[in-house]
Amino acid sequence: MILPKESETKEELWKAYWQTGDIAYRNDLAMEYAYIVKVYAYQLRGIYENYATVEDMINQGTVALLEAVEKYDPTKKTKFESYASIRVKGAIIDYVRNQDWVAKRSKKKAKLVNEATDYLTNTLGHAPSIEELSQYLKMPPDAIEKILGEVHTFNLLSYEELIDIGLYGVKGFREQGIAQEEMPGYELENEELKQIISASLSLLTEKERMVIMLYYYEGLKKKDIAYILDISASRVCQIHSCALKKMKNSLKQYLFGDEEE
């Protein structure tokens, strides 16, 4: 086995790995690009923090990074960073999605709260508060808050999956590590998708738009948004979930037309 030299550049490491196939070079290359894993793990922890630790996400991302080094084909003229980023982010999202993070019993409760929220919204003319849901469902407020947290994460997962479909066309592009900018018509479709997402903001109430803007555009955490709007963090989760449901339906209509809801 040939050990890589500490002074070797990335280009030299790639050349040595392609010539020898030695896992020592592969591992050293993975270390060079480890920052990609950390970037996505810390970027996604705000969404998945209740269901997967940063360490878990880093572990899954590292496995994907090693596989990316092994499968990378430079003849396709794709930058390794782009190729690896797609595979790493996809691996982390798939890992979280495949976890049994909501038991069947919790899923039933989540459906119950969703249905109650829709009913009370139509009846009251506004999104129900924790207290109104608690009274209607005859459940303790803290139990409602816990379920809303699970619903919030589920909505984030499903919304992000739709964004993936919109940007990559089909899941296979992500699995193959094909960079977005290399896909036919990418720039036009991406711009159109951005317009659809922006337009979907018009479907939201003023408070929903405020939460979305502070969360996605300003990068604030839920507790910070709660402080700014003078409401509870659980209320922020509730507003965020309602907003995502509305935006998700708009995006579904764009992607699938009248095929399915």
Protein backbone atom coordinates (compact mmCIF):
# COMPACT_ATOMS: atom_id res chain seq x y z
CA MET A 1 0.00 0.00 0.00
CA ILE A 2 1.32 3.42 -0.95
CA LEU A 3 0.73 6.07 1.71
CA PRO A 4 -0.18 9.56 0.51
CA LYS A 5 2.23 12.34 1.27
CA GLU A 6 1.03 15.22 3.42
CA SER A 7 2.34 17.75 0.93
CA GLU A 8 0.46 16.33 -2.04
CA THR A 9 -2.12 18.60 -3.66
CA LYS A 10 -5.66 17.51 -4.46
CA GLU A 11 -4.74 17.12 -8.09
CA GLU A 12 -1.83 14.87 -7.17
CA LEU A 13 -4.00 12.84 -4.82
CA TRP A 14 -6.61 12.34 -7.54
CA LYS A 15 -3.98 11.26 -10.02
CA ALA A 16 -2.46 8.83 -7.53
CA TYR A 17 -5.89 7.40 -6.62
CA TRP A 18 -6.90 6.89 -10.25
CA GLN A 19 -3.57 5.19 -10.97
CA THR A 20 -3.52 2.89 -7.95
CA GLY A 21 -7.08 2.67 -6.62
CA ASP A 22 -5.53 2.63 -3.15
CA ILE A 23 -8.03 3.33 -0.34
CA ALA A 24 -5.40 5.40 1.48
CA TYR A 25 -5.61 7.95 -1.32
CA ARG A 26 -9.41 7.69 -1.32
CA ASN A 27 -9.56 8.37 2.42
CA ASP A 28 -7.13 11.26 2.10
CA LEU A 29 -9.26 12.79 -0.66
CA ALA A 30 -12.34 12.43 1.53
CA MET A 31 -10.53 14.33 4.27
CA GLU A 32 -9.77 17.11 1.78
CA TYR A 33 -13.48 17.46 0.98
CA ALA A 34 -14.84 16.77 4.49
CA TYR A 35 -16.00 20.37 4.70
CA ILE A 36 -18.82 19.54 2.24
CA VAL A 37 -20.28 17.06 4.74
CA LYS A 38 -20.04 19.52 7.62
CA VAL A 39 -21.64 22.32 5.62
CA TYR A 40 -24.75 20.26 4.85
CA ALA A 41 -24.94 18.59 8.27
CA TYR A 42 -24.98 21.94 10.05
CA GLN A 43 -27.20 23.50 7.40
CA LEU A 44 -29.83 20.77 7.81
CA ARG A 45 -29.65 20.36 11.57
CA GLY A 46 -32.17 23.16 12.08
CA ILE A 47 -34.76 21.09 10.22
CA TYR A 48 -33.91 17.63 11.53
CA GLU A 49 -32.46 18.41 14.98
CA ASN A 50 -35.24 16.53 16.79
CA TYR A 51 -34.80 13.34 14.76
CA ALA A 52 -31.11 12.98 13.96
CA THR A 53 -27.97 14.27 15.62
CA VAL A 54 -25.37 16.26 13.74
CA GLU A 55 -23.00 13.32 14.33
CA ASP A 56 -25.45 10.94 12.64
CA MET A 57 -25.77 13.26 9.66
CA ILE A 58 -22.01 13.69 9.42
CA ASN A 59 -21.53 9.91 9.51
CA GLN A 60 -24.06 9.38 6.71
CA GLY A 61 -22.61 12.24 4.70
CA THR A 62 -19.09 10.87 5.10
CA VAL A 63 -20.15 7.47 3.75
CA ALA A 64 -21.71 9.23 0.75
CA LEU A 65 -18.56 11.30 0.28
CA LEU A 66 -16.37 8.18 0.19
CA GLU A 67 -18.69 6.63 -2.38
CA ALA A 68 -18.57 9.85 -4.38
CA VAL A 69 -14.77 9.67 -4.52
CA GLU A 70 -14.98 6.06 -5.72
CA LYS A 71 -17.61 6.72 -8.39
CA TYR A 72 -16.50 10.13 -9.61
CA ASP A 73 -15.90 10.19 -13.35
CA PRO A 74 -13.84 13.22 -14.43
CA THR A 75 -14.59 12.56 -18.11
CA LYS A 76 -18.13 13.87 -17.54
CA LYS A 77 -16.66 17.33 -16.92
CA THR A 78 -18.55 17.75 -13.64
CA LYS A 79 -16.72 19.43 -10.77
CA PHE A 80 -16.21 16.99 -7.94
CA GLU A 81 -17.53 19.52 -5.43
CA SER A 82 -20.86 19.71 -7.31
CA TYR A 83 -21.05 15.93 -7.73
CA ALA A 84 -20.23 15.24 -4.08
CA SER A 85 -22.55 17.94 -2.74
CA ILE A 86 -25.56 16.40 -4.45
CA ARG A 87 -24.79 12.91 -3.16
CA VAL A 88 -23.96 14.08 0.38
CA LYS A 89 -27.07 16.19 0.82
CA GLY A 90 -29.22 13.45 -0.71
CA ALA A 91 -27.75 10.82 1.63
CA ILE A 92 -28.44 12.93 4.71
CA ILE A 93 -32.03 13.68 3.69
CA ASP A 94 -32.69 10.04 2.79
CA TYR A 95 -31.24 8.91 6.12
CA VAL A 96 -33.56 11.17 8.10
CA ARG A 97 -36.55 10.28 5.93
CA ASN A 98 -35.94 6.55 6.41
CA GLN A 99 -35.81 6.80 10.19
CA ASP A 100 -38.88 5.66 12.07
CA TRP A 101 -38.95 9.13 13.61
CA VAL A 102 -42.73 9.20 13.93
CA ALA A 103 -44.32 6.01 15.22
CA LYS A 104 -47.69 4.91 13.81
CA ARG A 105 -49.42 6.16 16.93
CA SER A 106 -47.81 9.59 16.55
CA LYS A 107 -48.72 9.71 12.85
CA LYS A 108 -52.38 9.16 13.76
CA LYS A 109 -52.19 12.00 16.27
CA ALA A 110 -50.49 14.22 13.71
CA LYS A 111 -53.29 13.52 11.22
CA LEU A 112 -55.85 14.30 13.93
CA VAL A 113 -54.22 17.66 14.69
CA ASN A 114 -53.92 18.49 10.98
CA GLU A 115 -57.61 17.78 10.42
CA ALA A 116 -58.54 19.77 13.53
CA THR A 117 -56.40 22.69 12.35
CA ASP A 118 -58.09 22.72 8.94
CA TYR A 119 -61.57 22.50 10.50
CA LEU A 120 -60.96 25.24 13.05
CA THR A 121 -59.32 27.47 10.46
CA ASN A 122 -62.45 27.26 8.30
CA THR A 123 -64.75 27.65 11.28
CA LEU A 124 -62.94 30.44 13.12
CA GLY A 125 -61.56 32.25 10.10
CA HIS A 126 -58.01 32.08 11.41
CA ALA A 127 -55.38 29.47 12.28
CA PRO A 128 -56.28 28.08 15.72
CA SER A 129 -54.09 28.73 18.72
CA ILE A 130 -52.61 25.97 20.87
CA GLU A 131 -55.34 26.63 23.43
CA GLU A 132 -58.12 26.40 20.82
CA LEU A 133 -56.72 23.11 19.49
CA SER A 134 -56.33 21.83 23.05
CA GLN A 135 -59.93 22.65 23.87
CA TYR A 136 -61.30 21.20 20.63
CA LEU A 137 -59.28 17.95 20.83
CA LYS A 138 -59.51 17.73 24.63
CA MET A 139 -55.75 17.24 24.84
CA PRO A 140 -53.17 18.99 27.07
CA PRO A 141 -51.46 22.00 25.40
CA ASP A 142 -48.00 20.44 25.83
CA ALA A 143 -49.15 17.32 23.95
CA ILE A 144 -50.46 19.53 21.13
CA GLU A 145 -47.12 21.35 20.98
CA LYS A 146 -45.19 18.07 20.74
CA ILE A 147 -47.37 16.81 17.89
CA LEU A 148 -47.11 20.16 16.08
CA GLY A 149 -43.34 19.84 16.21
CA GLU A 150 -43.57 16.46 14.48
CA VAL A 151 -46.00 17.82 11.88
CA HIS A 152 -43.66 20.76 11.28
CA THR A 153 -40.72 18.47 10.51
CA PHE A 154 -42.84 16.25 8.25
CA ASN A 155 -43.99 19.28 6.27
CA LEU A 156 -40.39 20.46 5.90
CA LEU A 157 -39.34 17.03 4.64
CA SER A 158 -42.13 16.74 2.08
CA TYR A 159 -41.71 20.34 0.91
CA GLU A 160 -37.97 19.88 0.45
CA GLU A 161 -38.65 16.70 -1.52
CA LEU A 162 -40.88 18.68 -3.90
CA ILE A 163 -38.14 21.31 -4.29
CA ASP A 164 -35.71 18.49 -5.12
CA ILE A 165 -38.08 17.22 -7.80
CA GLY A 166 -38.52 20.72 -9.18
CA LEU A 167 -34.78 21.40 -9.37
CA TYR A 168 -33.52 17.98 -10.40
CA GLY A 169 -36.43 16.79 -12.54
CA VAL A 170 -36.35 13.25 -11.17
CA LYS A 171 -34.69 11.61 -8.18
CA GLY A 172 -32.35 9.74 -10.48
CA PHE A 173 -30.44 12.92 -11.31
CA ARG A 174 -29.55 13.36 -7.66
CA GLU A 175 -28.56 9.72 -7.23
CA GLN A 176 -26.32 9.93 -10.28
CA GLY A 177 -24.78 13.12 -8.95
CA ILE A 178 -25.57 15.13 -12.06
CA ALA A 179 -25.01 18.81 -11.33
CA GLN A 180 -28.09 21.04 -11.65
CA GLU A 181 -26.45 23.46 -14.04
CA GLU A 182 -25.64 20.60 -16.44
CA MET A 183 -29.25 19.52 -16.89
CA PRO A 184 -31.02 20.52 -20.13
CA GLY A 185 -33.02 23.72 -19.64
CA TYR A 186 -31.88 24.04 -16.03
CA GLU A 187 -31.51 27.84 -15.98
CA LEU A 188 -34.95 28.44 -17.50
CA GLU A 189 -36.69 25.86 -15.29
CA ASN A 190 -34.91 27.03 -12.15
CA GLU A 191 -35.93 30.63 -12.79
CA GLU A 192 -39.50 29.54 -13.41
CA LEU A 193 -39.49 27.52 -10.18
CA LYS A 194 -38.23 30.54 -8.24
CA GLN A 195 -41.09 32.59 -9.65
CA ILE A 196 -43.61 29.93 -8.62
CA ILE A 197 -42.21 29.84 -5.08
CA SER A 198 -42.27 33.64 -4.89
CA ALA A 199 -45.83 33.71 -6.21
CA SER A 200 -46.91 31.17 -3.59
CA LEU A 201 -45.98 33.71 -0.92
CA SER A 202 -49.02 35.74 -2.01
CA LEU A 203 -51.21 32.88 -0.74
CA LEU A 204 -49.97 33.42 2.80
CA THR A 205 -51.22 35.66 5.55
CA GLU A 206 -49.04 38.55 6.65
CA LYS A 207 -47.79 36.64 9.68
CA GLU A 208 -47.08 33.50 7.62
CA ARG A 209 -45.06 35.54 5.13
CA MET A 210 -43.16 37.13 7.98
CA VAL A 211 -42.23 33.74 9.44
CA ILE A 212 -41.15 32.37 6.04
CA MET A 213 -39.07 35.45 5.27
CA LEU A 214 -37.37 35.48 8.69
CA TYR A 215 -36.71 31.72 8.63
CA TYR A 216 -35.50 31.26 5.04
CA TYR A 217 -34.26 34.66 3.94
CA GLU A 218 -32.88 35.99 7.21
CA GLY A 219 -31.79 32.59 8.56
CA LEU A 220 -33.28 33.15 12.01
CA LYS A 221 -34.09 30.30 14.39
CA LYS A 222 -37.63 29.64 15.59
CA LYS A 223 -36.92 30.99 19.07
CA ASP A 224 -35.60 34.25 17.57
CA ILE A 225 -38.67 34.59 15.35
CA ALA A 226 -40.87 33.95 18.38
CA TYR A 227 -39.13 36.80 20.21
CA ILE A 228 -39.51 39.20 17.28
CA LEU A 229 -43.21 38.41 16.77
CA ASP A 230 -43.89 38.15 20.51
CA ILE A 231 -45.39 34.66 20.25
CA SER A 232 -44.35 31.21 21.47
CA ALA A 233 -41.89 28.99 19.58
CA SER A 234 -44.63 26.38 19.19
CA ARG A 235 -46.85 29.03 17.60
CA VAL A 236 -44.03 29.79 15.15
CA CYS A 237 -43.92 26.07 14.26
CA GLN A 238 -47.66 26.08 13.72
CA ILE A 239 -47.60 29.16 11.49
CA HIS A 240 -44.60 27.77 9.58
CA SER A 241 -46.36 24.46 8.96
CA CYS A 242 -49.54 26.16 7.74
CA ALA A 243 -47.48 28.31 5.38
CA LEU A 244 -45.57 25.33 4.00
CA LYS A 245 -48.81 23.42 3.37
CA LYS A 246 -50.15 26.29 1.28
CA MET A 247 -46.87 26.70 -0.61
CA LYS A 248 -46.57 22.94 -1.09
CA ASN A 249 -50.02 22.75 -2.72
CA SER A 250 -49.04 25.58 -5.08
CA LEU A 251 -45.77 23.84 -5.97
CA LYS A 252 -47.56 20.53 -6.50
CA GLN A 253 -49.92 22.20 -8.96
CA TYR A 254 -46.90 23.57 -10.85
CA LEU A 255 -45.03 20.27 -10.92
CA PHE A 256 -47.86 17.80 -11.47
CA GLY A 257 -50.78 19.84 -12.78
CA ASP A 258 -54.07 18.08 -12.05
CA GLU A 259 -52.56 14.59 -11.83
CA GLU A 260 -52.74 14.34 -8.09
CA GLU A 261 -53.10 16.38 -4.95
